[in-house]
């Protein structure tokens, strides 16, 4: 579709860094591979996460990234890498085994790849739209749960599954739209002549105001992902 500018605030990123450092295993002394293009949202999360915790950001040249991915990672002595499953699949097992943590996102992680990698490196399956800073859920993949390849649970965000009509939550196991809430939800779209912000960012849905038998109703601002 047509690209749209997404606004993310300082407080959005600060909240993301606060909540997600532990989820990604970033720490002082880590060596984080700067893989993603700077036109992609995940590059900024990796950059800021690395600098915030005192890690080393390892920046390859375009030639290294495109033609010598494994070799450059080994020369940099990389401990943490974040890339799509398709890119990670190009790495030999010898390179993966040298990593502490492999974060994958941007595509669905197949159970076959999850099972293959889970025995050799800490695998984190990350999901999230750019509108929410951009990672909102993380799953730690291990040999016991690799067959499912889940996107995990919200990190700094509430995750709701809502009916397609948008007027109620659906029972566990039912199909519904994923809706996100919390400090990672951004302000909306830049120069929003098409009013996409009003359609995708909603306030005070009826099911949230109603509450439930165990939780009082309340107000809130949420993002409709469009993902089922």
Protein backbone atom coordinates (compact mmCIF):
# COMPACT_ATOMS: atom_id res chain seq x y z
CA UNK A 1 0.00 0.00 0.00
CA UNK A 2 0.91 3.69 0.11
CA UNK A 3 3.52 4.40 2.81
CA UNK A 4 2.32 6.60 5.66
CA UNK A 5 4.35 8.57 8.18
CA UNK A 6 3.93 7.30 11.74
CA UNK A 7 4.55 9.58 14.71
CA UNK A 8 6.31 8.09 17.74
CA UNK A 9 6.98 10.26 20.79
CA UNK A 10 9.95 10.43 23.14
CA UNK A 11 7.77 8.96 25.89
CA UNK A 12 6.79 6.05 23.60
CA UNK A 13 10.43 5.13 23.00
CA UNK A 14 11.40 5.70 26.64
CA UNK A 15 8.61 3.35 27.74
CA UNK A 16 9.68 0.76 25.17
CA UNK A 17 13.30 0.82 26.37
CA UNK A 18 12.20 0.60 30.00
CA UNK A 19 9.94 -2.41 29.51
CA UNK A 20 11.78 -4.39 26.86
CA UNK A 21 15.47 -4.44 27.76
CA UNK A 22 15.03 -7.65 29.75
CA UNK A 23 12.81 -9.19 27.09
CA UNK A 24 15.55 -8.84 24.45
CA UNK A 25 18.45 -9.75 26.77
CA UNK A 26 20.22 -6.46 25.96
CA UNK A 27 22.83 -5.50 28.56
CA UNK A 28 26.13 -3.71 29.01
CA UNK A 29 28.85 -5.56 27.13
CA UNK A 30 26.50 -7.00 24.50
CA UNK A 31 27.51 -6.56 20.86
CA UNK A 32 24.40 -5.75 18.81
CA UNK A 33 24.48 -6.18 15.02
CA UNK A 34 23.00 -3.17 13.21
CA UNK A 35 21.30 -5.18 10.47
CA UNK A 36 18.09 -3.39 9.49
CA UNK A 37 18.00 -0.46 7.09
CA UNK A 38 17.43 2.89 8.80
CA UNK A 39 14.20 3.22 6.83
CA UNK A 40 12.75 0.37 8.93
CA UNK A 41 11.34 1.01 12.38
CA UNK A 42 13.15 -1.87 14.07
CA UNK A 43 16.55 -0.31 13.31
CA UNK A 44 15.82 2.56 15.65
CA UNK A 45 14.68 0.29 18.43
CA UNK A 46 17.89 -1.73 18.19
CA UNK A 47 20.04 1.41 18.04
CA UNK A 48 18.43 3.09 21.04
CA UNK A 49 18.19 -0.16 23.03
CA UNK A 50 21.90 -0.82 22.54
CA UNK A 51 22.99 2.69 23.49
CA UNK A 52 20.61 2.91 26.46
CA UNK A 53 22.06 -0.14 28.21
CA UNK A 54 25.72 0.43 27.32
CA UNK A 55 25.98 -2.22 24.61
CA UNK A 56 28.19 -1.90 21.53
CA UNK A 57 26.35 -1.23 18.25
CA UNK A 58 28.20 -3.07 15.46
CA UNK A 59 27.59 -1.25 12.16
CA UNK A 60 28.45 -3.18 8.98
CA UNK A 61 28.86 -1.65 5.54
CA UNK A 62 26.16 -2.25 2.95
CA UNK A 63 28.53 -4.62 1.16
CA UNK A 64 29.09 -6.64 4.32
CA UNK A 65 25.41 -6.76 5.10
CA UNK A 66 24.44 -7.88 1.61
CA UNK A 67 27.36 -10.09 0.59
CA UNK A 68 29.10 -11.27 3.76
CA UNK A 69 26.49 -11.35 6.51
CA UNK A 70 27.93 -14.27 8.48
CA UNK A 71 31.54 -13.16 8.01
CA UNK A 72 30.86 -9.63 9.24
CA UNK A 73 28.95 -10.91 12.27
CA UNK A 74 31.87 -13.13 13.20
CA UNK A 75 34.43 -10.32 12.73
CA UNK A 76 32.35 -8.04 14.95
CA UNK A 77 31.99 -10.85 17.54
CA UNK A 78 28.25 -10.18 17.56
CA UNK A 79 26.25 -11.46 20.55
CA UNK A 80 22.79 -10.11 19.63
CA UNK A 81 21.12 -9.88 16.21
CA UNK A 82 17.63 -8.81 15.13
CA UNK A 83 16.46 -9.74 11.62
CA UNK A 84 13.71 -11.42 9.66
CA UNK A 85 13.51 -15.23 9.71
CA UNK A 86 14.34 -15.19 5.98
CA UNK A 87 17.61 -13.37 6.63
CA UNK A 88 18.51 -15.45 9.68
CA UNK A 89 17.90 -18.59 7.66
CA UNK A 90 20.90 -17.63 5.48
CA UNK A 91 23.26 -17.86 8.46
CA UNK A 92 25.19 -21.09 9.03
CA UNK A 93 24.64 -22.88 12.32
CA UNK A 94 28.23 -22.09 13.31
CA UNK A 95 27.40 -18.36 13.29
CA UNK A 96 24.14 -18.80 15.18
CA UNK A 97 25.83 -20.83 17.89
CA UNK A 98 28.15 -17.90 18.63
CA UNK A 99 25.19 -15.64 19.38
CA UNK A 100 23.68 -15.11 22.79
CA UNK A 101 20.30 -13.98 21.43
CA UNK A 102 18.62 -14.04 18.01
CA UNK A 103 15.57 -11.79 17.71
CA UNK A 104 13.35 -12.46 14.70
CA UNK A 105 10.38 -10.45 13.46
CA UNK A 106 8.78 -8.83 10.46
CA UNK A 107 7.60 -12.22 9.16
CA UNK A 108 5.90 -15.26 10.61
CA UNK A 109 8.35 -17.64 12.27
CA UNK A 110 7.75 -21.17 11.01
CA UNK A 111 7.70 -24.00 13.59
CA UNK A 112 10.43 -25.78 11.60
CA UNK A 113 12.86 -22.86 11.90
CA UNK A 114 11.88 -22.26 15.52
CA UNK A 115 12.66 -25.87 16.39
CA UNK A 116 15.96 -25.82 14.50
CA UNK A 117 17.21 -22.64 16.18
CA UNK A 118 15.85 -23.23 19.67
CA UNK A 119 18.48 -25.78 20.52
CA UNK A 120 21.47 -23.58 19.66
CA UNK A 121 20.66 -19.96 20.62
CA UNK A 122 18.21 -17.90 22.71
CA UNK A 123 15.45 -17.13 20.20
CA UNK A 124 13.03 -14.23 20.69
CA UNK A 125 10.04 -14.03 18.36
CA UNK A 126 9.01 -10.36 18.27
CA UNK A 127 5.85 -8.79 16.87
CA UNK A 128 4.57 -5.27 16.66
CA UNK A 129 3.37 -2.57 14.28
CA UNK A 130 5.34 0.63 13.73
CA UNK A 131 2.40 2.51 15.27
CA UNK A 132 3.31 0.93 18.63
CA UNK A 133 7.05 1.71 18.84
CA UNK A 134 7.34 -0.97 17.13
CA UNK A 135 7.74 -4.14 19.22
CA UNK A 136 4.78 -4.94 21.47
CA UNK A 137 4.95 -8.70 22.08
CA UNK A 138 7.89 -11.04 22.57
CA UNK A 139 8.01 -14.83 22.92
CA UNK A 140 11.00 -16.76 24.22
CA UNK A 141 11.31 -19.83 21.99
CA UNK A 142 12.71 -23.04 23.44
CA UNK A 143 12.66 -26.71 22.37
CA UNK A 144 9.49 -27.32 24.41
CA UNK A 145 7.35 -24.60 22.80
CA UNK A 146 8.97 -24.21 19.36
CA UNK A 147 6.26 -26.19 17.59
CA UNK A 148 3.76 -23.42 18.38
CA UNK A 149 6.02 -20.44 17.42
CA UNK A 150 3.86 -18.00 19.41
CA UNK A 151 4.28 -14.21 19.29
CA UNK A 152 4.20 -14.27 23.10
CA UNK A 153 2.67 -11.70 25.42
CA UNK A 154 2.64 -7.93 25.63
CA UNK A 155 5.78 -6.20 26.90
CA UNK A 156 4.76 -2.70 27.96
CA UNK A 157 1.39 -3.18 26.27
CA UNK A 158 -1.97 -4.79 26.96
CA UNK A 159 -3.09 -7.19 24.24
CA UNK A 160 -6.82 -7.62 23.62
CA UNK A 161 -8.62 -9.91 21.17
CA UNK A 162 -11.79 -8.21 20.00
CA UNK A 163 -14.72 -9.26 17.81
CA UNK A 164 -14.60 -8.09 14.21
CA UNK A 165 -17.46 -5.71 15.00
CA UNK A 166 -15.24 -4.22 17.71
CA UNK A 167 -17.92 -4.23 20.40
CA UNK A 168 -16.79 -7.10 22.65
CA UNK A 169 -13.89 -9.29 23.67
CA UNK A 170 -13.88 -12.83 22.32
CA UNK A 171 -13.29 -16.01 24.36
CA UNK A 172 -9.84 -17.58 24.55
CA UNK A 173 -9.21 -19.64 21.44
CA UNK A 174 -11.63 -17.67 19.28
CA UNK A 175 -10.66 -15.64 16.22
CA UNK A 176 -10.68 -11.89 16.65
CA UNK A 177 -8.69 -8.74 15.92
CA UNK A 178 -5.59 -7.96 17.99
CA UNK A 179 -5.93 -4.56 19.67
CA UNK A 180 -3.06 -2.97 21.61
CA UNK A 181 -3.16 -0.58 24.57
CA UNK A 182 -0.54 1.13 26.70
CA UNK A 183 2.35 3.62 26.72
CA UNK A 184 3.78 2.22 23.46
CA UNK A 185 0.75 3.31 21.39
CA UNK A 186 1.88 6.31 19.32
CA UNK A 187 0.06 9.59 18.60
CA UNK A 188 -1.04 8.59 15.09
CA UNK A 189 -0.18 9.34 11.47
CA UNK A 190 1.67 12.38 10.12
CA UNK A 191 -0.23 14.81 7.86
CA UNK A 192 -3.32 12.66 8.23
CA UNK A 193 -5.49 14.00 5.42
CA UNK A 194 -7.22 10.62 5.03
CA UNK A 195 -8.14 10.50 8.74
CA UNK A 196 -6.47 7.13 9.17
CA UNK A 197 -5.62 8.00 12.76
CA UNK A 198 -9.30 8.18 13.74
CA UNK A 199 -9.98 4.83 12.08
CA UNK A 200 -7.06 2.93 13.60
CA UNK A 201 -6.54 4.63 16.98
CA UNK A 202 -9.68 4.34 19.07
CA UNK A 203 -10.69 5.70 22.46
CA UNK A 204 -12.96 4.26 25.12
CA UNK A 205 -14.46 1.25 23.30
CA UNK A 206 -17.69 0.01 24.85
CA UNK A 207 -16.21 -3.28 26.08
CA UNK A 208 -13.45 -1.45 27.97
CA UNK A 209 -15.89 0.99 29.57
CA UNK A 210 -18.15 -1.90 30.65
CA UNK A 211 -15.42 -3.88 32.37
CA UNK A 212 -16.17 -7.38 33.62
CA UNK A 213 -17.12 -9.29 36.74
CA UNK A 214 -13.51 -9.11 37.97
CA UNK A 215 -12.30 -5.81 36.47
CA UNK A 216 -13.92 -2.40 36.72
CA UNK A 217 -14.65 -0.51 33.53
CA UNK A 218 -12.27 2.29 32.56
CA UNK A 219 -11.23 4.57 29.75
CA UNK A 220 -8.34 3.92 27.36
CA UNK A 221 -6.75 4.64 24.00
CA UNK A 222 -5.95 1.67 21.76
CA UNK A 223 -4.58 0.74 18.34
CA UNK A 224 -6.41 -1.64 16.00
CA UNK A 225 -3.75 -3.77 14.30
CA UNK A 226 -5.99 -5.35 11.69
CA UNK A 227 -4.33 -8.69 12.50
CA UNK A 228 -6.48 -11.70 13.37
